PDB file of N, CA and C in Angstrom:
ATOM      1  N   MET A   1      64.200  13.901 -47.798  1.00  0.00           N
ATOM      2  CA  MET A   1      62.906  14.178 -47.446  1.00  0.00           C
ATOM      3  C   MET A   1      61.860  13.341 -46.847  1.00  0.00           C
ATOM      4  N   ILE A   2      61.032  13.932 -46.177  1.00  0.00           N
ATOM      5  CA  ILE A   2      60.025  12.836 -45.479  1.00  0.00           C
ATOM      6  C   ILE A   2      59.122  12.504 -46.317  1.00  0.00           C
ATOM      7  N   ILE A   3      58.523  11.348 -46.493  1.00  0.00           N
ATOM      8  CA  ILE A   3      57.390  10.909 -47.182  1.00  0.00           C
ATOM      9  C   ILE A   3      56.508  10.208 -46.627  1.00  0.00           C
ATOM     10  N   PHE A   4      55.267  10.610 -46.639  1.00  0.00           N
ATOM     11  CA  PHE A   4      54.190   9.955 -45.809  1.00  0.00           C
ATOM     12  C   PHE A   4      53.535   8.942 -46.879  1.00  0.00           C
ATOM     13  N   SER A   5      54.045   7.645 -46.787  1.00  0.00           N
ATOM     14  CA  SER A   5      53.717   7.069 -47.702  1.00  0.00           C
ATOM     15  C   SER A   5      52.691   5.745 -47.544  1.00  0.00           C
ATOM     16  N   GLY A   6      52.991   5.384 -46.200  1.00  0.00           N
ATOM     17  CA  GLY A   6      52.021   4.251 -45.893  1.00  0.00           C
ATOM     18  C   GLY A   6      52.700   3.058 -46.054  1.00  0.00           C
ATOM     19  N   LEU A   7      51.943   1.868 -46.074  1.00  0.00           N
ATOM     20  CA  LEU A   7      52.356   0.765 -46.575  1.00  0.00           C
ATOM     21  C   LEU A   7      51.047   0.183 -47.528  1.00  0.00           C
ATOM     22  N   ASP A   8      51.259  -1.030 -48.176  1.00  0.00           N
ATOM     23  CA  ASP A   8      50.563  -1.564 -49.425  1.00  0.00           C
ATOM     24  C   ASP A   8      49.003  -1.306 -48.621  1.00  0.00           C
ATOM     25  N   SER A   9      48.782  -1.587 -47.596  1.00  0.00           N
ATOM     26  CA  SER A   9      47.245  -1.524 -46.777  1.00  0.00           C
ATOM     27  C   SER A   9      46.866  -0.269 -46.829  1.00  0.00           C
ATOM     28  N   GLY A  10      47.239   1.000 -47.146  1.00  0.00           N
ATOM     29  CA  GLY A  10      46.696   1.965 -47.295  1.00  0.00           C
ATOM     30  C   GLY A  10      47.731   3.493 -46.732  1.00  0.00           C
ATOM     31  N   PRO A  11      47.047   4.459 -46.503  1.00  0.00           N
ATOM     32  CA  PRO A  11      47.845   5.660 -46.215  1.00  0.00           C
ATOM     33  C   PRO A  11      48.042   6.132 -44.674  1.00  0.00           C
ATOM     34  N   VAL A  12      48.970   6.941 -44.451  1.00  0.00           N
ATOM     35  CA  VAL A  12      49.121   7.059 -42.851  1.00  0.00           C
ATOM     36  C   VAL A  12      48.272   7.833 -42.543  1.00  0.00           C
ATOM     37  N   LYS A  13      47.545   7.663 -41.348  1.00  0.00           N
ATOM     38  CA  LYS A  13      46.671   8.214 -40.809  1.00  0.00           C
ATOM     39  C   LYS A  13      47.391   8.954 -39.606  1.00  0.00           C
ATOM     40  N   VAL A  14      47.406  10.619 -39.791  1.00  0.00           N
ATOM     41  CA  VAL A  14      47.893  11.431 -38.778  1.00  0.00           C
ATOM     42  C   VAL A  14      46.578  11.722 -37.927  1.00  0.00           C
ATOM     43  N   GLY A  15      47.047  11.594 -36.489  1.00  0.00           N
ATOM     44  CA  GLY A  15      46.163  12.001 -35.453  1.00  0.00           C
ATOM     45  C   GLY A  15      46.489  13.725 -34.979  1.00  0.00           C
ATOM     46  N   TYR A  16      46.463  13.856 -33.877  1.00  0.00           N
ATOM     47  CA  TYR A  16      47.153  15.062 -33.132  1.00  0.00           C
ATOM     48  C   TYR A  16      48.430  14.824 -33.148  1.00  0.00           C
ATOM     49  N   LEU A  17      49.125  15.841 -33.601  1.00  0.00           N
ATOM     50  CA  LEU A  17      50.652  15.967 -33.483  1.00  0.00           C
ATOM     51  C   LEU A  17      51.141  16.862 -32.414  1.00  0.00           C
ATOM     52  N   GLU A  18      51.390  15.971 -31.169  1.00  0.00           N
ATOM     53  CA  GLU A  18      52.033  16.726 -29.907  1.00  0.00           C
ATOM     54  C   GLU A  18      53.519  17.040 -30.450  1.00  0.00           C
ATOM     55  N   ASP A  19      53.862  17.950 -29.596  1.00  0.00           N
ATOM     56  CA  ASP A  19      55.088  18.865 -29.553  1.00  0.00           C
ATOM     57  C   ASP A  19      56.370  17.809 -29.794  1.00  0.00           C
ATOM     58  N   PRO A  20      56.202  16.878 -28.955  1.00  0.00           N
ATOM     59  CA  PRO A  20      57.409  15.698 -29.215  1.00  0.00           C
ATOM     60  C   PRO A  20      57.441  14.918 -30.183  1.00  0.00           C
ATOM     61  N   ILE A  21      56.296  14.349 -30.841  1.00  0.00           N
ATOM     62  CA  ILE A  21      56.398  14.038 -32.061  1.00  0.00           C
ATOM     63  C   ILE A  21      56.863  14.659 -33.264  1.00  0.00           C
ATOM     64  N   ILE A  22      56.063  15.963 -33.274  1.00  0.00           N
ATOM     65  CA  ILE A  22      56.727  16.957 -33.993  1.00  0.00           C
ATOM     66  C   ILE A  22      58.499  17.362 -34.199  1.00  0.00           C
ATOM     67  N   ARG A  23      58.981  17.318 -32.913  1.00  0.00           N
ATOM     68  CA  ARG A  23      60.379  17.298 -32.644  1.00  0.00           C
ATOM     69  C   ARG A  23      61.047  15.999 -33.421  1.00  0.00           C
ATOM     70  N   ALA A  24      60.421  14.728 -33.071  1.00  0.00           N
ATOM     71  CA  ALA A  24      61.105  13.647 -33.738  1.00  0.00           C
ATOM     72  C   ALA A  24      61.090  13.505 -34.939  1.00  0.00           C
ATOM     73  N   LEU A  25      59.888  13.931 -35.967  1.00  0.00           N
ATOM     74  CA  LEU A  25      59.811  14.136 -37.194  1.00  0.00           C
ATOM     75  C   LEU A  25      60.688  15.289 -37.825  1.00  0.00           C
ATOM     76  N   ASN A  26      61.076  16.341 -37.051  1.00  0.00           N
ATOM     77  CA  ASN A  26      61.974  17.229 -37.358  1.00  0.00           C
ATOM     78  C   ASN A  26      63.544  16.735 -37.530  1.00  0.00           C
ATOM     79  N   LEU A  27      63.894  15.981 -36.409  1.00  0.00           N
ATOM     80  CA  LEU A  27      65.384  15.449 -36.605  1.00  0.00           C
ATOM     81  C   LEU A  27      65.192  14.244 -37.754  1.00  0.00           C
ATOM     82  N   VAL A  28      64.256  13.667 -37.945  1.00  0.00           N
ATOM     83  CA  VAL A  28      64.242  12.754 -39.304  1.00  0.00           C
ATOM     84  C   VAL A  28      64.380  13.400 -40.303  1.00  0.00           C
ATOM     85  N   GLY A  29      63.927  14.551 -40.599  1.00  0.00           N
ATOM     86  CA  GLY A  29      63.902  15.395 -41.687  1.00  0.00           C
ATOM     87  C   GLY A  29      65.408  16.281 -41.925  1.00  0.00           C
ATOM     88  N   VAL A  30      66.049  16.396 -40.681  1.00  0.00           N
ATOM     89  CA  VAL A  30      67.395  16.933 -40.748  1.00  0.00           C
ATOM     90  C   VAL A  30      68.173  15.959 -41.108  1.00  0.00           C
ATOM     91  N   TRP A  31      67.961  14.682 -40.649  1.00  0.00           N
ATOM     92  CA  TRP A  31      69.071  13.609 -41.002  1.00  0.00           C
ATOM     93  C   TRP A  31      68.820  13.034 -42.693  1.00  0.00           C
ATOM     94  N   SER A  32      67.355  13.059 -42.943  1.00  0.00           N
ATOM     95  CA  SER A  32      67.254  12.908 -44.485  1.00  0.00           C
ATOM     96  C   SER A  32      67.801  14.055 -45.029  1.00  0.00           C
ATOM     97  N   ALA A  33      67.792  15.135 -44.871  1.00  0.00           N
ATOM     98  CA  ALA A  33      68.523  16.265 -45.614  1.00  0.00           C
ATOM     99  C   ALA A  33      69.758  16.109 -45.841  1.00  0.00           C
ATOM    100  N   ARG A  34      70.910  15.863 -44.727  1.00  0.00           N
ATOM    101  CA  ARG A  34      71.762  15.313 -44.626  1.00  0.00           C
ATOM    102  C   ARG A  34      72.516  14.699 -45.008  1.00  0.00           C
ATOM    103  N   GLN A  35      71.606  13.470 -45.432  1.00  0.00           N
ATOM    104  CA  GLN A  35      72.268  12.119 -45.831  1.00  0.00           C
ATOM    105  C   GLN A  35      71.807  11.959 -47.336  1.00  0.00           C
ATOM    106  N   GLY A  36      70.592  12.979 -47.624  1.00  0.00           N
ATOM    107  CA  GLY A  36      70.489  12.810 -49.038  1.00  0.00           C
ATOM    108  C   GLY A  36      69.300  11.626 -49.395  1.00  0.00           C
ATOM    109  N   ILE A  37      68.937  11.244 -48.506  1.00  0.00           N
ATOM    110  CA  ILE A  37      68.184   9.840 -48.369  1.00  0.00           C
ATOM    111  C   ILE A  37      66.663   9.987 -48.111  1.00  0.00           C
ATOM    112  N   ASP A  38      65.709   9.692 -48.776  1.00  0.00           N
ATOM    113  CA  ASP A  38      64.248   9.748 -48.564  1.00  0.00           C
ATOM    114  C   ASP A  38      63.779   8.893 -47.336  1.00  0.00           C
ATOM    115  N   VAL A  39      63.060   9.516 -46.382  1.00  0.00           N
ATOM    116  CA  VAL A  39      62.521   8.761 -45.319  1.00  0.00           C
ATOM    117  C   VAL A  39      61.172   8.465 -45.413  1.00  0.00           C
ATOM    118  N   SER A  40      60.287   7.091 -45.363  1.00  0.00           N
ATOM    119  CA  SER A  40      58.978   7.077 -45.395  1.00  0.00           C
ATOM    120  C   SER A  40      58.497   7.098 -44.155  1.00  0.00           C
ATOM    121  N   ILE A  41      57.298   7.860 -44.003  1.00  0.00           N
ATOM    122  CA  ILE A  41      56.572   7.632 -42.511  1.00  0.00           C
ATOM    123  C   ILE A  41      55.508   6.319 -43.045  1.00  0.00           C
ATOM    124  N   THR A  42      55.762   5.149 -42.389  1.00  0.00           N
ATOM    125  CA  THR A  42      54.864   4.138 -42.699  1.00  0.00           C
ATOM    126  C   THR A  42      53.584   3.884 -41.740  1.00  0.00           C
ATOM    127  N   SER A  43      53.573   4.545 -40.778  1.00  0.00           N
ATOM    128  CA  SER A  43      52.345   4.216 -39.840  1.00  0.00           C
ATOM    129  C   SER A  43      52.590   5.259 -38.740  1.00  0.00           C
ATOM    130  N   MET A  44      51.501   5.705 -38.276  1.00  0.00           N
ATOM    131  CA  MET A  44      51.274   6.629 -37.151  1.00  0.00           C
ATOM    132  C   MET A  44      50.158   6.279 -36.340  1.00  0.00           C
ATOM    133  N   ASN A  45      49.155   6.711 -36.537  1.00  0.00           N
ATOM    134  CA  ASN A  45      47.680   6.221 -35.680  1.00  0.00           C
ATOM    135  C   ASN A  45      46.758   5.212 -36.822  1.00  0.00           C
ATOM    136  N   ASP A  46      47.520   4.203 -37.204  1.00  0.00           N
ATOM    137  CA  ASP A  46      46.877   3.423 -37.818  1.00  0.00           C
ATOM    138  C   ASP A  46      47.434   2.021 -38.253  1.00  0.00           C
ATOM    139  N   LYS A  47      47.095   1.249 -39.023  1.00  0.00           N
ATOM    140  CA  LYS A  47      47.263  -0.046 -39.098  1.00  0.00           C
ATOM    141  C   LYS A  47      47.354  -0.931 -38.002  1.00  0.00           C
ATOM    142  N   ALA A  48      47.524  -2.379 -37.823  1.00  0.00           N
ATOM    143  CA  ALA A  48      47.543  -3.140 -36.845  1.00  0.00           C
ATOM    144  C   ALA A  48      48.586  -3.266 -36.017  1.00  0.00           C
ATOM    145  N   HIS A  49      48.326  -2.542 -34.791  1.00  0.00           N
ATOM    146  CA  HIS A  49      49.250  -2.790 -33.507  1.00  0.00           C
ATOM    147  C   HIS A  49      48.582  -3.565 -32.428  1.00  0.00           C
ATOM    148  N   SER A  50      49.552  -3.557 -31.460  1.00  0.00           N
ATOM    149  CA  SER A  50      48.963  -4.258 -30.151  1.00  0.00           C
ATOM    150  C   SER A  50      48.016  -3.207 -29.367  1.00  0.00           C
ATOM    151  N   ALA A  51      47.146  -3.800 -28.569  1.00  0.00           N
ATOM    152  CA  ALA A  51      45.831  -3.240 -28.360  1.00  0.00           C
ATOM    153  C   ALA A  51      46.707  -2.066 -27.551  1.00  0.00           C
ATOM    154  N   LYS A  52      47.525  -2.115 -27.024  1.00  0.00           N
ATOM    155  CA  LYS A  52      48.184  -0.958 -25.878  1.00  0.00           C
ATOM    156  C   LYS A  52      49.164   0.038 -26.718  1.00  0.00           C
ATOM    157  N   SER A  53      49.248  -0.291 -28.000  1.00  0.00           N
ATOM    158  CA  SER A  53      50.341   0.447 -28.880  1.00  0.00           C
ATOM    159  C   SER A  53      50.044   2.000 -28.550  1.00  0.00           C
ATOM    160  N   LEU A  54      51.186   2.610 -28.261  1.00  0.00           N
ATOM    161  CA  LEU A  54      51.239   4.220 -28.180  1.00  0.00           C
ATOM    162  C   LEU A  54      50.874   4.932 -29.599  1.00  0.00           C
ATOM    163  N   HIS A  55      50.923   3.897 -30.555  1.00  0.00           N
ATOM    164  CA  HIS A  55      50.415   4.339 -32.179  1.00  0.00           C
ATOM    165  C   HIS A  55      48.685   5.093 -31.626  1.00  0.00           C
ATOM    166  N   TYR A  56      48.104   4.350 -31.209  1.00  0.00           N
ATOM    167  CA  TYR A  56      46.577   4.744 -31.001  1.00  0.00           C
ATOM    168  C   TYR A  56      46.862   6.029 -30.062  1.00  0.00           C
ATOM    169  N   GLU A  57      47.562   6.260 -29.517  1.00  0.00           N
ATOM    170  CA  GLU A  57      47.538   7.703 -28.406  1.00  0.00           C
ATOM    171  C   GLU A  57      48.322   8.804 -29.272  1.00  0.00           C
ATOM    172  N   ASP A  58      48.557   8.855 -30.618  1.00  0.00           N
ATOM    173  CA  ASP A  58      49.157   9.679 -31.468  1.00  0.00           C
ATOM    174  C   ASP A  58      50.576   9.922 -30.912  1.00  0.00           C
ATOM    175  N   LYS A  59      51.401   8.778 -30.234  1.00  0.00           N
ATOM    176  CA  LYS A  59      52.866   9.079 -29.758  1.00  0.00           C
ATOM    177  C   LYS A  59      53.845   8.096 -30.160  1.00  0.00           C
ATOM    178  N   ALA A  60      53.582   7.595 -31.301  1.00  0.00           N
ATOM    179  CA  ALA A  60      54.568   6.699 -32.168  1.00  0.00           C
ATOM    180  C   ALA A  60      54.304   6.912 -33.501  1.00  0.00           C
ATOM    181  N   VAL A  61      55.466   6.557 -34.264  1.00  0.00           N
ATOM    182  CA  VAL A  61      55.554   6.817 -35.557  1.00  0.00           C
ATOM    183  C   VAL A  61      56.681   5.464 -36.082  1.00  0.00           C
ATOM    184  N   ASP A  62      56.202   4.937 -37.262  1.00  0.00           N
ATOM    185  CA  ASP A  62      56.873   4.099 -37.802  1.00  0.00           C
ATOM    186  C   ASP A  62      57.669   4.681 -38.995  1.00  0.00           C
ATOM    187  N   LEU A  63      58.868   4.252 -39.431  1.00  0.00           N
ATOM    188  CA  LEU A  63      59.591   4.853 -40.640  1.00  0.00           C
ATOM    189  C   LEU A  63      60.603   3.977 -41.108  1.00  0.00           C
ATOM    190  N   GLN A  64      60.711   4.097 -42.461  1.00  0.00           N
ATOM    191  CA  GLN A  64      61.672   3.097 -43.100  1.00  0.00           C
ATOM    192  C   GLN A  64      62.589   4.325 -44.018  1.00  0.00           C
ATOM    193  N   VAL A  65      63.865   3.762 -44.133  1.00  0.00           N
ATOM    194  CA  VAL A  65      64.590   4.370 -45.097  1.00  0.00           C
ATOM    195  C   VAL A  65      64.414   4.072 -46.626  1.00  0.00           C
ATOM    196  N   GLN A  66      64.295   5.054 -47.525  1.00  0.00           N
ATOM    197  CA  GLN A  66      63.716   4.071 -48.723  1.00  0.00           C
ATOM    198  C   GLN A  66      65.119   4.116 -49.544  1.00  0.00           C
ATOM    199  N   PRO A  67      65.214   2.827 -50.242  1.00  0.00           N
ATOM    200  CA  PRO A  67      66.108   2.540 -51.268  1.00  0.00           C
ATOM    201  C   PRO A  67      66.164   3.464 -52.582  1.00  0.00           C
ATOM    202  N   GLN A  68      66.969   3.915 -52.857  1.00  0.00           N
ATOM    203  CA  GLN A  68      67.329   4.736 -54.021  1.00  0.00           C
ATOM    204  C   GLN A  68      68.414   4.068 -54.757  1.00  0.00           C
ATOM    205  N   SER A  69      68.329   4.859 -56.031  1.00  0.00           N
ATOM    206  CA  SER A  69      69.516   4.353 -57.072  1.00  0.00           C
ATOM    207  C   SER A  69      70.880   4.614 -56.611  1.00  0.00           C
ATOM    208  N   THR A  70      70.916   5.571 -55.745  1.00  0.00           N
ATOM    209  CA  THR A  70      72.047   6.052 -55.218  1.00  0.00           C
ATOM    210  C   THR A  70      72.544   5.383 -53.917  1.00  0.00           C
ATOM    211  N   VAL A  71      71.459   4.922 -53.416  1.00  0.00           N
ATOM    212  CA  VAL A  71      71.903   4.042 -52.133  1.00  0.00           C
ATOM    213  C   VAL A  71      71.503   2.169 -52.413  1.00  0.00           C
ATOM    214  N   PRO A  72      72.464   1.498 -52.870  1.00  0.00           N
ATOM    215  CA  PRO A  72      72.179   0.279 -52.985  1.00  0.00           C
ATOM    216  C   PRO A  72      71.435  -0.415 -51.714  1.00  0.00           C
ATOM    217  N   SER A  73      70.477  -1.530 -52.096  1.00  0.00           N
ATOM    218  CA  SER A  73      69.745  -1.999 -51.432  1.00  0.00           C
ATOM    219  C   SER A  73      70.268  -2.695 -49.972  1.00  0.00           C
ATOM    220  N   ALA A  74      71.465  -3.168 -50.129  1.00  0.00           N
ATOM    221  CA  ALA A  74      72.311  -3.798 -49.162  1.00  0.00           C
ATOM    222  C   ALA A  74      72.608  -2.636 -48.128  1.00  0.00           C
ATOM    223  N   LYS A  75      72.726  -1.223 -48.679  1.00  0.00           N
ATOM    224  CA  LYS A  75      72.954  -0.152 -47.343  1.00  0.00           C
ATOM    225  C   LYS A  75      72.112   0.268 -46.968  1.00  0.00           C
ATOM    226  N   THR A  76      70.840   0.029 -47.399  1.00  0.00           N
ATOM    227  CA  THR A  76      69.701   0.398 -46.591  1.00  0.00           C
ATOM    228  C   THR A  76      69.452   0.184 -45.329  1.00  0.00           C
ATOM    229  N   LYS A  77      69.782  -1.156 -44.883  1.00  0.00           N
ATOM    230  CA  LYS A  77      69.794  -1.440 -43.367  1.00  0.00           C
ATOM    231  C   LYS A  77      70.769  -0.699 -42.723  1.00  0.00           C
ATOM    232  N   ASP A  78      71.941  -0.546 -43.282  1.00  0.00           N
ATOM    233  CA  ASP A  78      73.133   0.400 -42.372  1.00  0.00           C
ATOM    234  C   ASP A  78      72.585   1.752 -42.485  1.00  0.00           C
ATOM    235  N   ALA A  79      71.934   2.444 -43.370  1.00  0.00           N
ATOM    236  CA  ALA A  79      71.285   3.844 -43.045  1.00  0.00           C
ATOM    237  C   ALA A  79      70.277   3.785 -42.016  1.00  0.00           C
ATOM    238  N   MET A  80      69.286   2.461 -41.847  1.00  0.00           N
ATOM    239  CA  MET A  80      68.128   2.505 -41.125  1.00  0.00           C
ATOM    240  C   MET A  80      69.011   2.451 -39.544  1.00  0.00           C
ATOM    241  N   ARG A  81      69.756   1.722 -39.461  1.00  0.00           N
ATOM    242  CA  ARG A  81      70.865   1.509 -38.095  1.00  0.00           C
ATOM    243  C   ARG A  81      71.455   3.150 -37.946  1.00  0.00           C
ATOM    244  N   GLU A  82      71.941   3.746 -38.835  1.00  0.00           N
ATOM    245  CA  GLU A  82      72.569   5.119 -38.720  1.00  0.00           C
ATOM    246  C   GLU A  82      71.228   6.230 -37.910  1.00  0.00           C
ATOM    247  N   LEU A  83      69.932   5.961 -39.002  1.00  0.00           N
ATOM    248  CA  LEU A  83      69.083   7.047 -38.298  1.00  0.00           C
ATOM    249  C   LEU A  83      68.592   6.659 -37.173  1.00  0.00           C
ATOM    250  N   SER A  84      68.359   5.513 -36.486  1.00  0.00           N
ATOM    251  CA  SER A  84      67.968   4.994 -35.388  1.00  0.00           C
ATOM    252  C   SER A  84      69.099   5.454 -34.425  1.00  0.00           C
ATOM    253  N   ASN A  85      70.125   5.410 -34.687  1.00  0.00           N
ATOM    254  CA  ASN A  85      71.355   5.706 -33.685  1.00  0.00           C
ATOM    255  C   ASN A  85      71.518   7.349 -33.689  1.00  0.00           C
ATOM    256  N   TYR A  86      71.052   8.032 -34.662  1.00  0.00           N
ATOM    257  CA  TYR A  86      71.068   9.480 -34.622  1.00  0.00           C
ATOM    258  C   TYR A  86      69.905  10.048 -33.672  1.00  0.00           C
ATOM    259  N   LEU A  87      68.762   9.310 -33.804  1.00  0.00           N
ATOM    260  CA  LEU A  87      67.696   9.683 -33.012  1.00  0.00           C
ATOM    261  C   LEU A  87      67.939   9.240 -31.738  1.00  0.00           C
ATOM    262  N   ARG A  88      68.286   8.172 -31.579  1.00  0.00           N
ATOM    263  CA  ARG A  88      68.695   7.875 -29.978  1.00  0.00           C
ATOM    264  C   ARG A  88      69.638   9.109 -29.445  1.00  0.00           C
ATOM    265  N   GLY A  89      70.461   9.349 -30.027  1.00  0.00           N
ATOM    266  CA  GLY A  89      71.513  10.448 -29.455  1.00  0.00           C
ATOM    267  C   GLY A  89      70.958  11.832 -29.655  1.00  0.00           C
ATOM    268  N   ASN A  90      69.806  12.072 -30.288  1.00  0.00           N
ATOM    269  CA  ASN A  90      69.154  13.446 -30.321  1.00  0.00           C
ATOM    270  C   ASN A  90      67.817  13.541 -29.654  1.00  0.00           C
ATOM    271  N   LEU A  91      67.086  12.504 -29.255  1.00  0.00           N
ATOM    272  CA  LEU A  91      65.815  12.654 -28.383  1.00  0.00           C
ATOM    273  C   LEU A  91      66.376  12.512 -26.887  1.00  0.00           C
ATOM    274  N   GLU A  92      65.227  13.769 -26.506  1.00  0.00           N
ATOM    275  CA  GLU A  92      65.670  13.718 -24.839  1.00  0.00           C
ATOM    276  C   GLU A  92      65.182  12.387 -24.048  1.00  0.00           C
ATOM    277  N   LEU A  93      65.166  12.366 -22.777  1.00  0.00           N
ATOM    278  CA  LEU A  93      64.640  10.952 -22.070  1.00  0.00           C
ATOM    279  C   LEU A  93      63.114  10.890 -22.410  1.00  0.00           C
ATOM    280  N   GLY A  94      62.787   9.795 -22.262  1.00  0.00           N
ATOM    281  CA  GLY A  94      61.064   9.533 -22.523  1.00  0.00           C
ATOM    282  C   GLY A  94      60.923   8.938 -23.720  1.00  0.00           C
ATOM    283  N   TRP A  95      62.196   8.564 -24.542  1.00  0.00           N
ATOM    284  CA  TRP A  95      61.840   8.090 -25.994  1.00  0.00           C
ATOM    285  C   TRP A  95      62.407   6.823 -26.180  1.00  0.00           C
ATOM    286  N   ASP A  96      61.710   6.072 -26.868  1.00  0.00           N
ATOM    287  CA  ASP A  96      62.181   4.723 -27.109  1.00  0.00           C
ATOM    288  C   ASP A  96      62.422   4.700 -28.706  1.00  0.00           C
ATOM    289  N   VAL A  97      63.523   3.989 -29.152  1.00  0.00           N
ATOM    290  CA  VAL A  97      63.855   3.728 -30.573  1.00  0.00           C
ATOM    291  C   VAL A  97      64.132   2.412 -30.680  1.00  0.00           C
ATOM    292  N   VAL A  98      63.476   1.741 -31.482  1.00  0.00           N
ATOM    293  CA  VAL A  98      63.486   0.252 -31.622  1.00  0.00           C
ATOM    294  C   VAL A  98      63.598   0.038 -33.260  1.00  0.00           C
ATOM    295  N   PHE A  99      64.923  -0.575 -33.223  1.00  0.00           N
ATOM    296  CA  PHE A  99      65.190  -1.416 -34.857  1.00  0.00           C
ATOM    297  C   PHE A  99      65.781  -2.336 -34.621  1.00  0.00           C
ATOM    298  N   ASP A 100      65.855  -3.182 -35.494  1.00  0.00           N
ATOM    299  CA  ASP A 100      66.675  -4.510 -35.732  1.00  0.00           C
ATOM    300  C   ASP A 100      66.527  -5.611 -34.642  1.00  0.00           C
ATOM    301  N   SER A 101      65.281  -5.785 -34.054  1.00  0.00           N
ATOM    302  CA  SER A 101      64.484  -6.528 -32.729  1.00  0.00           C
ATOM    303  C   SER A 101      63.523  -7.019 -33.478  1.00  0.00           C
ATOM    304  N   PRO A 102      63.002  -8.232 -32.770  1.00  0.00           N
ATOM    305  CA  PRO A 102      61.750  -8.894 -33.030  1.00  0.00           C
ATOM    306  C   PRO A 102      60.717  -7.916 -33.081  1.00  0.00           C
ATOM    307  N   GLY A 103      60.108  -7.914 -34.447  1.00  0.00           N
ATOM    308  CA  GLY A 103      59.073  -7.203 -34.784  1.00  0.00           C
ATOM    309  C   GLY A 103      59.421  -5.854 -35.541  1.00  0.00           C
ATOM    310  N   HIS A 104      60.711  -5.605 -35.348  1.00  0.00           N
ATOM    311  CA  HIS A 104      61.311  -4.474 -36.074  1.00  0.00           C
ATOM    312  C   HIS A 104      62.294  -4.330 -36.799  1.00  0.00           C
ATOM    313  N   TYR A 105      62.446  -5.298 -37.623  1.00  0.00           N
ATOM    314  CA  TYR A 105      63.424  -5.531 -38.521  1.00  0.00           C
ATOM    315  C   TYR A 105      63.512  -4.777 -39.970  1.00  0.00           C
ATOM    316  N   THR A 106      62.216  -4.497 -40.090  1.00  0.00           N
ATOM    317  CA  THR A 106      62.069  -3.594 -41.665  1.00  0.00           C
ATOM    318  C   THR A 106      61.749  -2.145 -41.256  1.00  0.00           C
ATOM    319  N   HIS A 107      61.523  -2.010 -40.151  1.00  0.00           N
ATOM    320  CA  HIS A 107      61.142  -0.463 -39.970  1.00  0.00           C
ATOM    321  C   HIS A 107      61.573  -0.078 -38.561  1.00  0.00           C
ATOM    322  N   ILE A 108      61.745   1.275 -38.387  1.00  0.00           N
ATOM    323  CA  ILE A 108      62.331   1.811 -37.099  1.00  0.00           C
ATOM    324  C   ILE A 108      61.008   2.337 -36.042  1.00  0.00           C
ATOM    325  N   HIS A 109      61.017   1.860 -35.285  1.00  0.00           N
ATOM    326  CA  HIS A 109      59.765   2.288 -34.397  1.00  0.00           C
ATOM    327  C   HIS A 109      60.221   3.407 -33.343  1.00  0.00           C
ATOM    328  N   VAL A 110      59.528   4.651 -33.321  1.00  0.00           N
ATOM    329  CA  VAL A 110      59.710   5.749 -32.483  1.00  0.00           C
ATOM    330  C   VAL A 110      58.736   6.156 -31.525  1.00  0.00           C
ATOM    331  N   GLU A 111      58.840   5.857 -30.256  1.00  0.00           N
ATOM    332  CA  GLU A 111      57.574   6.096 -29.267  1.00  0.00           C
ATOM    333  C   GLU A 111      58.172   7.363 -28.257  1.00  0.00           C
ATOM    334  N   TRP A 112      57.092   8.117 -28.011  1.00  0.00           N
ATOM    335  CA  TRP A 112      57.393   9.051 -26.834  1.00  0.00           C
ATOM    336  C   TRP A 112      56.423   8.415 -25.659  1.00  0.00           C
ATOM    337  N   ASP A 113      57.397   7.414 -24.929  1.00  0.00           N
ATOM    338  CA  ASP A 113      56.628   6.779 -23.491  1.00  0.00           C
ATOM    339  C   ASP A 113      57.324   7.270 -22.242  1.00  0.00           C
ATOM    340  N   ILE A 114      56.864   8.445 -21.457  1.00  0.00           N
ATOM    341  CA  ILE A 114      57.332   8.938 -20.323  1.00  0.00           C
ATOM    342  C   ILE A 114      57.120   7.967 -19.245  1.00  0.00           C
ATOM    343  N   ARG A 115      56.317   7.134 -19.350  1.00  0.00           N
ATOM    344  CA  ARG A 115      56.146   6.138 -18.402  1.00  0.00           C
ATOM    345  C   ARG A 115      57.334   4.900 -17.941  1.00  0.00           C
ATOM    346  N   HIS A 116      57.513   4.610 -16.759  1.00  0.00           N
ATOM    347  CA  HIS A 116      58.422   3.638 -16.588  1.00  0.00           C
ATOM    348  C   HIS A 116      58.141   2.248 -17.347  1.00  0.00           C
ATOM    349  N   ARG A 117      59.241   1.731 -17.873  1.00  0.00           N
ATOM    350  CA  ARG A 117      58.839   0.371 -18.687  1.00  0.00           C
ATOM    351  C   ARG A 117      58.619  -0.530 -17.890  1.00  0.00           C
ATOM    352  N   ASP A 118      58.581  -0.526 -16.125  1.00  0.00           N
ATOM    353  CA  ASP A 118      58.231  -1.339 -15.704  1.00  0.00           C
ATOM    354  C   ASP A 118      56.983  -1.318 -15.091  1.00  0.00           C
ATOM    355  N   ALA A 119      56.317  -0.211 -15.089  1.00  0.00           N
ATOM    356  CA  ALA A 119      54.846   0.014 -14.917  1.00  0.00           C
ATOM    357  C   ALA A 119      53.868  -0.997 -15.045  1.00  0.00           C
ATOM    358  N   PRO A 120      53.199  -1.493 -14.614  1.00  0.00           N
ATOM    359  CA  PRO A 120      51.896  -2.438 -14.814  1.00  0.00           C
ATOM    360  C   PRO A 120      51.409  -1.845 -16.013  1.00  0.00           C
ATOM    361  N   ASN A 121      51.206  -0.763 -16.193  1.00  0.00           N
ATOM    362  CA  ASN A 121      50.164  -0.088 -17.369  1.00  0.00           C
ATOM    363  C   ASN A 121      50.976   0.273 -18.581  1.00  0.00           C
ATOM    364  N   SER A 122      52.386  -0.098 -18.631  1.00  0.00           N
ATOM    365  CA  SER A 122      52.877   0.222 -19.655  1.00  0.00           C
ATOM    366  C   SER A 122      52.741  -0.211 -20.854  1.00  0.00           C
ATOM    367  N   ARG A 123      52.706   0.590 -22.071  1.00  0.00           N
ATOM    368  CA  ARG A 123      52.233   0.157 -23.478  1.00  0.00           C
ATOM    369  C   ARG A 123      53.628  -0.226 -24.167  1.00  0.00           C
ATOM    370  N   ARG A 124      53.274  -0.953 -25.216  1.00  0.00           N
ATOM    371  CA  ARG A 124      54.362  -1.328 -26.054  1.00  0.00           C
ATOM    372  C   ARG A 124      53.986  -1.193 -27.322  1.00  0.00           C
ATOM    373  N   ALA A 125      54.966  -1.267 -28.603  1.00  0.00           N
ATOM    374  CA  ALA A 125      54.717  -1.028 -29.641  1.00  0.00           C
ATOM    375  C   ALA A 125      54.097  -2.866 -30.186  1.00  0.00           C
TER     376      ALA A 125
END
């Protein structure tokens, strides 16, 4: 199940949901149902992100796999890696899925960025 839980600093702020973000959230829901593991949406158009973040354009979402009694906490990171790989394999071109790298060790960042990465105005998480 997908849970819009936010973080300690407050609830998730959802802006306009464009079709690509809806497709990504649907994939998260499919993975969650197949694995029997809840996934929390921790940030959309909220929290503190870089000034050029796609969160503020409603084109990014942060999420975490929720530890459960059936999923030992040591396996949570493995589950997050599986979810990030599932998203990479099922989202079309134009998506960035970032996990287990600086700034993204505790959550998965998914953004719909159809601009070229080297473009002078490209935005980053």
